C-alpha atoms as a PDB file:
ATOM      1  CA  MET A   1    -128.382 -51.652  -1.044  1.00  0.00           C
ATOM      2  CA  LYS A   2    -127.468 -52.394   2.567  1.00  0.00           C
ATOM      3  CA  SER A   3    -124.475 -54.553   1.552  1.00  0.00           C
ATOM      4  CA  PHE A   4    -123.229 -51.927  -0.937  1.00  0.00           C
ATOM      5  CA  ILE A   5    -122.742 -49.129   1.635  1.00  0.00           C
ATOM      6  CA  PRO A   6    -120.423 -51.096   3.982  1.00  0.00           C
ATOM      7  CA  LYS A   7    -118.229 -52.085   1.013  1.00  0.00           C
ATOM      8  CA  VAL A   8    -117.911 -48.457  -0.097  1.00  0.00           C
ATOM      9  CA  LEU A   9    -117.059 -47.395   3.452  1.00  0.00           C
ATOM     10  CA  LEU A  10    -114.458 -50.155   3.711  1.00  0.00           C
ATOM     11  CA  VAL A  11    -112.798 -49.033   0.471  1.00  0.00           C
ATOM     12  CA  LEU A  12    -112.768 -45.398   1.583  1.00  0.00           C
ATOM     13  CA  CYS A  13    -111.283 -46.339   4.962  1.00  0.00           C
ATOM     14  CA  CYS A  14    -108.541 -48.359   3.245  1.00  0.00           C
ATOM     15  CA  LEU A  15    -107.709 -45.458   0.959  1.00  0.00           C
ATOM     16  CA  LEU A  16    -107.539 -43.061   3.877  1.00  0.00           C
ATOM     17  CA  ALA A  17    -105.327 -45.456   5.830  1.00  0.00           C
ATOM     18  CA  TYR A  18    -102.764 -45.458   2.996  1.00  0.00           C
ATOM     19  CA  THR A  19    -102.810 -41.706   2.593  1.00  0.00           C
ATOM     20  CA  ASN A  20    -100.192 -39.755   4.549  1.00  0.00           C
ATOM     21  CA  ALA A  21    -100.453 -36.154   5.737  1.00  0.00           C
ATOM     22  CA  SER A  22     -99.396 -34.679   2.364  1.00  0.00           C
ATOM     23  CA  GLY A  23    -102.251 -36.427   0.583  1.00  0.00           C
ATOM     24  CA  GLN A  24    -100.034 -38.927  -1.263  1.00  0.00           C
ATOM     25  CA  ALA A  25    -100.643 -42.671  -1.178  1.00  0.00           C
ATOM     26  CA  THR A  26     -97.813 -44.993  -0.208  1.00  0.00           C
ATOM     27  CA  ILE A  27     -97.565 -48.422  -1.757  1.00  0.00           C
ATOM     28  CA  ASP A  28     -95.498 -51.221  -0.300  1.00  0.00           C
ATOM     29  CA  GLN A  29     -93.990 -53.173  -3.177  1.00  0.00           C
ATOM     30  CA  ASN A  30     -92.322 -56.552  -3.046  1.00  0.00           C
ATOM     31  CA  GLU A  31     -88.584 -56.366  -3.783  1.00  0.00           C
ATOM     32  CA  MET A  32     -88.948 -58.953  -6.552  1.00  0.00           C
ATOM     33  CA  PHE A  33     -91.575 -56.933  -8.467  1.00  0.00           C
ATOM     34  CA  PRO A  34     -89.168 -54.941 -10.732  1.00  0.00           C
ATOM     35  CA  GLN A  35     -87.272 -58.107 -11.639  1.00  0.00           C
ATOM     36  CA  LEU A  36     -90.476 -60.004 -12.410  1.00  0.00           C
ATOM     37  CA  LEU A  37     -91.789 -57.078 -14.461  1.00  0.00           C
ATOM     38  CA  ASN A  38     -88.604 -57.007 -16.570  1.00  0.00           C
ATOM     39  CA  GLU A  39     -88.805 -60.766 -17.118  1.00  0.00           C
ATOM     40  CA  LYS A  40     -92.430 -60.425 -18.216  1.00  0.00           C
ATOM     41  CA  ARG A  41     -91.500 -57.669 -20.679  1.00  0.00           C
ATOM     42  CA  THR A  42     -88.771 -59.890 -22.129  1.00  0.00           C
ATOM     43  CA  GLN A  43     -91.189 -62.793 -22.508  1.00  0.00           C
ATOM     44  CA  ASN A  44     -93.742 -60.545 -24.216  1.00  0.00           C
ATOM     45  CA  GLN A  45     -91.145 -59.449 -26.765  1.00  0.00           C
ATOM     46  CA  ILE A  46     -90.195 -63.051 -27.469  1.00  0.00           C
ATOM     47  CA  LEU A  47     -93.815 -64.124 -27.814  1.00  0.00           C
ATOM     48  CA  SER A  48     -94.691 -61.243 -30.109  1.00  0.00           C
ATOM     49  CA  PHE A  49     -92.048 -62.359 -32.612  1.00  0.00           C
ATOM     50  CA  GLN A  50     -92.742 -66.055 -32.307  1.00  0.00           C
ATOM     51  CA  ASP A  51     -95.182 -66.223 -35.213  1.00  0.00           C
ATOM     52  CA  VAL A  52     -93.602 -63.915 -37.765  1.00  0.00           C
ATOM     53  CA  TYR A  53     -93.084 -65.040 -41.328  1.00  0.00           C
ATOM     54  CA  THR A  54     -91.122 -63.618 -44.233  1.00  0.00           C
ATOM     55  CA  ILE A  55     -90.408 -64.704 -47.786  1.00  0.00           C
ATOM     56  CA  GLN A  56     -86.905 -65.326 -49.081  1.00  0.00           C
ATOM     57  CA  ILE A  57     -86.630 -64.416 -52.758  1.00  0.00           C
ATOM     58  CA  PHE A  58     -82.852 -64.574 -53.250  1.00  0.00           C
ATOM     59  CA  SER A  59     -79.692 -66.182 -51.938  1.00  0.00           C
ATOM     60  CA  GLY A  60     -76.300 -65.507 -53.489  1.00  0.00           C
ATOM     61  CA  ASN A  61     -73.387 -63.072 -53.753  1.00  0.00           C
ATOM     62  CA  TYR A  62     -73.441 -59.424 -52.696  1.00  0.00           C
ATOM     63  CA  ALA A  63     -73.484 -57.851 -56.173  1.00  0.00           C
ATOM     64  CA  ASP A  64     -76.433 -59.946 -57.358  1.00  0.00           C
ATOM     65  CA  ALA A  65     -78.222 -59.379 -54.047  1.00  0.00           C
ATOM     66  CA  ASN A  66     -77.973 -55.593 -54.426  1.00  0.00           C
ATOM     67  CA  LYS A  67     -79.257 -55.754 -57.992  1.00  0.00           C
ATOM     68  CA  THR A  68     -82.141 -58.018 -56.997  1.00  0.00           C
ATOM     69  CA  ILE A  69     -83.226 -55.955 -53.999  1.00  0.00           C
ATOM     70  CA  GLU A  70     -83.250 -52.753 -56.075  1.00  0.00           C
ATOM     71  CA  GLU A  71     -85.489 -54.421 -58.658  1.00  0.00           C
ATOM     72  CA  SER A  72     -87.816 -55.930 -56.072  1.00  0.00           C
ATOM     73  CA  ARG A  73     -88.144 -52.640 -54.164  1.00  0.00           C
ATOM     74  CA  LEU A  74     -89.399 -50.970 -57.326  1.00  0.00           C
ATOM     75  CA  GLU A  75     -91.869 -53.731 -58.136  1.00  0.00           C
ATOM     76  CA  TYR A  76     -93.099 -54.577 -54.608  1.00  0.00           C
ATOM     77  CA  GLN A  77     -93.174 -51.201 -52.866  1.00  0.00           C
ATOM     78  CA  ASP A  78     -95.936 -52.337 -50.513  1.00  0.00           C
ATOM     79  CA  LEU A  79     -93.678 -54.943 -48.856  1.00  0.00           C
ATOM     80  CA  ASP A  80     -90.782 -54.379 -46.455  1.00  0.00           C
ATOM     81  CA  GLN A  81     -87.506 -55.762 -47.760  1.00  0.00           C
ATOM     82  CA  SER A  82     -84.206 -56.516 -46.123  1.00  0.00           C
ATOM     83  CA  LEU A  83     -80.794 -57.768 -47.138  1.00  0.00           C
ATOM     84  CA  GLU A  84     -79.489 -60.370 -44.694  1.00  0.00           C
ATOM     85  CA  PHE A  85     -76.102 -62.049 -44.524  1.00  0.00           C
ATOM     86  CA  ASN A  86     -75.830 -65.672 -43.468  1.00  0.00           C
ATOM     87  CA  THR A  87     -72.444 -67.150 -44.191  1.00  0.00           C
ATOM     88  CA  PRO A  88     -71.589 -67.670 -47.019  1.00  0.00           C
ATOM     89  CA  SER A  89     -74.366 -65.862 -48.894  1.00  0.00           C
ATOM     90  CA  TYR A  90     -76.615 -62.814 -48.887  1.00  0.00           C
ATOM     91  CA  LYS A  91     -80.351 -63.318 -48.683  1.00  0.00           C
ATOM     92  CA  ILE A  92     -83.245 -61.037 -49.510  1.00  0.00           C
ATOM     93  CA  TRP A  93     -86.284 -61.297 -47.271  1.00  0.00           C
ATOM     94  CA  VAL A  94     -89.542 -59.681 -48.312  1.00  0.00           C
ATOM     95  CA  GLY A  95     -92.450 -58.860 -46.030  1.00  0.00           C
ATOM     96  CA  CYS A  96     -93.191 -59.343 -42.360  1.00  0.00           C
ATOM     97  CA  PHE A  97     -96.379 -61.346 -41.871  1.00  0.00           C
ATOM     98  CA  GLU A  98     -98.174 -62.203 -38.634  1.00  0.00           C
ATOM     99  CA  ASN A  99     -99.450 -65.515 -39.944  1.00  0.00           C
ATOM    100  CA  ARG A 100     -98.593 -68.103 -42.557  1.00  0.00           C
ATOM    101  CA  ILE A 101    -101.773 -67.452 -44.548  1.00  0.00           C
ATOM    102  CA  ASP A 102    -100.755 -63.847 -45.303  1.00  0.00           C
ATOM    103  CA  ALA A 103     -97.262 -65.020 -46.196  1.00  0.00           C
ATOM    104  CA  ALA A 104     -98.685 -67.667 -48.562  1.00  0.00           C
ATOM    105  CA  ARG A 105    -100.859 -65.088 -50.333  1.00  0.00           C
ATOM    106  CA  ASN A 106     -97.846 -62.896 -50.980  1.00  0.00           C
ATOM    107  CA  LEU A 107     -95.655 -65.854 -51.905  1.00  0.00           C
ATOM    108  CA  LYS A 108     -98.026 -66.681 -54.759  1.00  0.00           C
ATOM    109  CA  ARG A 109     -97.527 -63.175 -56.131  1.00  0.00           C
ATOM    110  CA  LEU A 110     -93.724 -63.271 -55.677  1.00  0.00           C
ATOM    111  CA  LEU A 111     -93.330 -66.694 -57.309  1.00  0.00           C
ATOM    112  CA  GLU A 112     -94.203 -65.158 -60.683  1.00  0.00           C
ATOM    113  CA  LYS A 113     -90.931 -63.203 -60.701  1.00  0.00           C
ATOM    114  CA  TYR A 114     -88.879 -65.262 -58.222  1.00  0.00           C
ATOM    115  CA  PRO A 115     -89.653 -68.965 -58.808  1.00  0.00           C
ATOM    116  CA  SER A 116     -87.303 -70.122 -56.027  1.00  0.00           C
ATOM    117  CA  ALA A 117     -89.005 -67.970 -53.342  1.00  0.00           C
ATOM    118  CA  PHE A 118     -90.174 -69.665 -50.158  1.00  0.00           C
ATOM    119  CA  ILE A 119     -91.627 -68.835 -46.735  1.00  0.00           C
ATOM    120  CA  ILE A 120     -89.437 -68.623 -43.630  1.00  0.00           C
ATOM    121  CA  LYS A 121     -90.689 -68.602 -40.042  1.00  0.00           C
ATOM    122  CA  LEU A 122     -88.574 -66.144 -38.052  1.00  0.00           C
ATOM    123  CA  LYS A 123     -87.616 -66.920 -34.476  1.00  0.00           C
END
């Protein structure tokens, strides 16, 4: 108990030392902190999308892509779907999965209707 009391007093003294007359604490911050914080946020966003998988069920022209995505949205309402354009064709991606195992489970289901479907790892 004797060693606990001096530590508490030290913490209280430090807090009082940083408190000005208005009762607000002042914090001295390194000039590089905001830049480092922004870089860390950017890295977190990149890392969070590093292991994302989707399933491509179609690749072709725009008219067929629209028809296919309408059909698949009716049948697979539980999965997100998007129409992507990569020159020279339109692609339909279904689902957004955090790991390959979940993507594989859904691929098995989608292969019944779309035999050319396959898993894509998004970057």
